[in-house]
């Protein structure tokens, strides 16, 4: 039922995109258009249903595979106003890595790279300056 109802409820797309942002006023007409266009393609909503249906098994597989990445320096960025995934998840993810840093971007939602790109890029560049393979190789 979800796919057929969702296709008819285009008026709700703005609401749901706005919920991904910490400040829904930052959602531009172009942003909304870019999220709405793919939804018209056949199979997109059906794919979303499959993702939800497989969530638990995908997470079990993810947990089994996580130890293989434990030595990769990892930056976990989170928006303080993420309404889709609880910010407490950031620390749970970070605990899986030997070298990790968690940064919370104040006021951002689920898509901080899109909503506040400057605030997002700043900690990414700082982290890469310390943990990039080139830095490790050159001893800087």
Protein backbone atom coordinates (compact mmCIF):
# COMPACT_ATOMS: atom_id res chain seq x y z
CA UNK A 1 0.00 0.00 0.00
CA UNK A 2 2.85 2.40 0.81
CA UNK A 3 4.01 2.85 -2.80
CA UNK A 4 0.56 3.59 -4.21
CA UNK A 5 -0.40 5.96 -1.38
CA UNK A 6 2.97 7.75 -1.52
CA UNK A 7 2.71 8.39 -5.24
CA UNK A 8 -0.63 10.11 -4.73
CA UNK A 9 0.51 12.11 -1.68
CA UNK A 10 2.97 14.40 -3.46
CA UNK A 11 1.80 17.25 -1.24
CA UNK A 12 3.53 15.50 1.69
CA UNK A 13 6.97 15.37 0.03
CA UNK A 14 7.85 18.85 1.31
CA UNK A 15 6.85 17.85 4.82
CA UNK A 16 9.08 14.78 4.82
CA UNK A 17 12.06 16.53 3.25
CA UNK A 18 11.64 19.29 5.83
CA UNK A 19 11.82 16.70 8.61
CA UNK A 20 15.28 15.70 7.39
CA UNK A 21 16.55 19.24 7.98
CA UNK A 22 17.23 20.76 11.39
CA UNK A 23 15.73 23.98 10.04
CA UNK A 24 13.00 23.22 7.45
CA UNK A 25 13.26 26.85 6.24
CA UNK A 26 16.57 25.84 4.61
CA UNK A 27 14.76 23.54 2.17
CA UNK A 28 14.77 25.33 -1.16
CA UNK A 29 12.39 24.71 -4.05
CA UNK A 30 15.30 23.12 -5.94
CA UNK A 31 16.05 20.80 -3.02
CA UNK A 32 12.45 19.67 -2.86
CA UNK A 33 12.37 19.18 -6.62
CA UNK A 34 15.55 17.09 -6.54
CA UNK A 35 14.05 14.78 -3.91
CA UNK A 36 10.64 14.56 -5.59
CA UNK A 37 11.78 13.79 -9.15
CA UNK A 38 13.14 10.29 -8.48
CA UNK A 39 9.95 9.34 -6.64
CA UNK A 40 8.06 9.40 -9.92
CA UNK A 41 10.21 6.58 -11.31
CA UNK A 42 8.70 3.11 -11.14
CA UNK A 43 10.23 0.94 -8.46
CA UNK A 44 11.59 3.69 -6.17
CA UNK A 45 8.95 3.35 -3.46
CA UNK A 46 9.01 -0.41 -3.81
CA UNK A 47 12.76 -0.31 -3.23
CA UNK A 48 12.22 1.75 -0.08
CA UNK A 49 9.80 -0.89 1.19
CA UNK A 50 12.46 -3.57 0.55
CA UNK A 51 15.04 -1.57 2.51
CA UNK A 52 12.68 -1.32 5.48
CA UNK A 53 11.77 -5.00 5.18
CA UNK A 54 15.45 -6.08 5.21
CA UNK A 55 16.61 -3.60 7.85
CA UNK A 56 17.14 -6.07 10.71
CA UNK A 57 19.04 -8.62 8.63
CA UNK A 58 21.12 -5.85 7.01
CA UNK A 59 22.04 -4.53 10.47
CA UNK A 60 23.05 -8.03 11.65
CA UNK A 61 25.32 -8.34 8.61
CA UNK A 62 26.69 -4.85 9.21
CA UNK A 63 27.58 -5.76 12.83
CA UNK A 64 29.35 -8.92 11.65
CA UNK A 65 31.43 -6.93 9.14
CA UNK A 66 32.26 -3.93 11.36
CA UNK A 67 35.34 -5.50 13.01
CA UNK A 68 37.05 -5.59 9.59
CA UNK A 69 37.01 -1.77 9.54
CA UNK A 70 38.06 -1.25 13.18
CA UNK A 71 41.51 0.08 12.23
CA UNK A 72 40.22 2.70 9.80
CA UNK A 73 40.32 6.17 11.39
CA UNK A 74 36.71 7.32 11.37
CA UNK A 75 34.92 10.62 11.79
CA UNK A 76 31.28 10.32 12.80
CA UNK A 77 29.31 13.48 12.05
CA UNK A 78 25.78 13.98 13.28
CA UNK A 79 23.23 16.76 13.21
CA UNK A 80 21.96 17.74 16.65
CA UNK A 81 18.43 17.91 15.25
CA UNK A 82 18.47 14.62 13.31
CA UNK A 83 14.89 13.35 13.50
CA UNK A 84 15.49 10.20 11.45
CA UNK A 85 18.28 8.55 13.43
CA UNK A 86 18.78 9.12 17.15
CA UNK A 87 21.97 11.12 17.80
CA UNK A 88 22.88 8.53 20.47
CA UNK A 89 23.64 6.23 17.53
CA UNK A 90 26.74 8.29 16.75
CA UNK A 91 28.55 7.10 19.87
CA UNK A 92 27.43 3.52 19.26
CA UNK A 93 28.98 3.68 15.79
CA UNK A 94 32.18 5.38 16.99
CA UNK A 95 32.83 2.65 19.58
CA UNK A 96 33.46 0.20 16.72
CA UNK A 97 36.67 1.98 15.66
CA UNK A 98 40.02 2.14 17.44
CA UNK A 99 40.53 5.72 16.25
CA UNK A 100 37.31 7.68 16.05
CA UNK A 101 36.05 11.14 16.61
CA UNK A 102 32.43 12.18 16.94
CA UNK A 103 31.27 15.69 16.09
CA UNK A 104 27.75 16.97 16.44
CA UNK A 105 26.79 19.83 14.15
CA UNK A 106 24.54 22.15 16.13
CA UNK A 107 21.19 22.86 14.53
CA UNK A 108 21.67 20.49 11.59
CA UNK A 109 19.36 17.62 10.78
CA UNK A 110 19.89 14.29 9.02
CA UNK A 111 21.64 15.81 6.00
CA UNK A 112 24.23 18.24 7.41
CA UNK A 113 26.40 18.00 4.26
CA UNK A 114 23.46 19.41 2.33
CA UNK A 115 21.91 21.70 4.91
CA UNK A 116 25.07 23.38 6.26
CA UNK A 117 27.93 22.37 3.93
CA UNK A 118 30.46 24.78 5.44
CA UNK A 119 29.88 23.48 8.96
CA UNK A 120 30.08 19.93 7.60
CA UNK A 121 33.30 20.37 5.61
CA UNK A 122 35.22 22.08 8.40
CA UNK A 123 35.51 19.03 10.71
CA UNK A 124 36.00 16.71 7.72
CA UNK A 125 39.02 18.72 6.53
CA UNK A 126 40.42 18.92 10.06
CA UNK A 127 40.08 15.14 10.47
CA UNK A 128 41.67 14.43 7.09
CA UNK A 129 44.57 16.76 7.88
CA UNK A 130 45.36 14.58 10.89
CA UNK A 131 44.37 11.11 9.70
CA UNK A 132 44.84 11.02 5.93
CA UNK A 133 47.16 8.29 4.56
CA UNK A 134 49.46 11.00 3.17
CA UNK A 135 49.86 12.54 6.62
CA UNK A 136 50.68 9.14 8.13
CA UNK A 137 53.14 8.30 5.33
CA UNK A 138 54.93 11.65 5.49
CA UNK A 139 55.00 11.63 9.30
CA UNK A 140 53.27 14.99 9.57
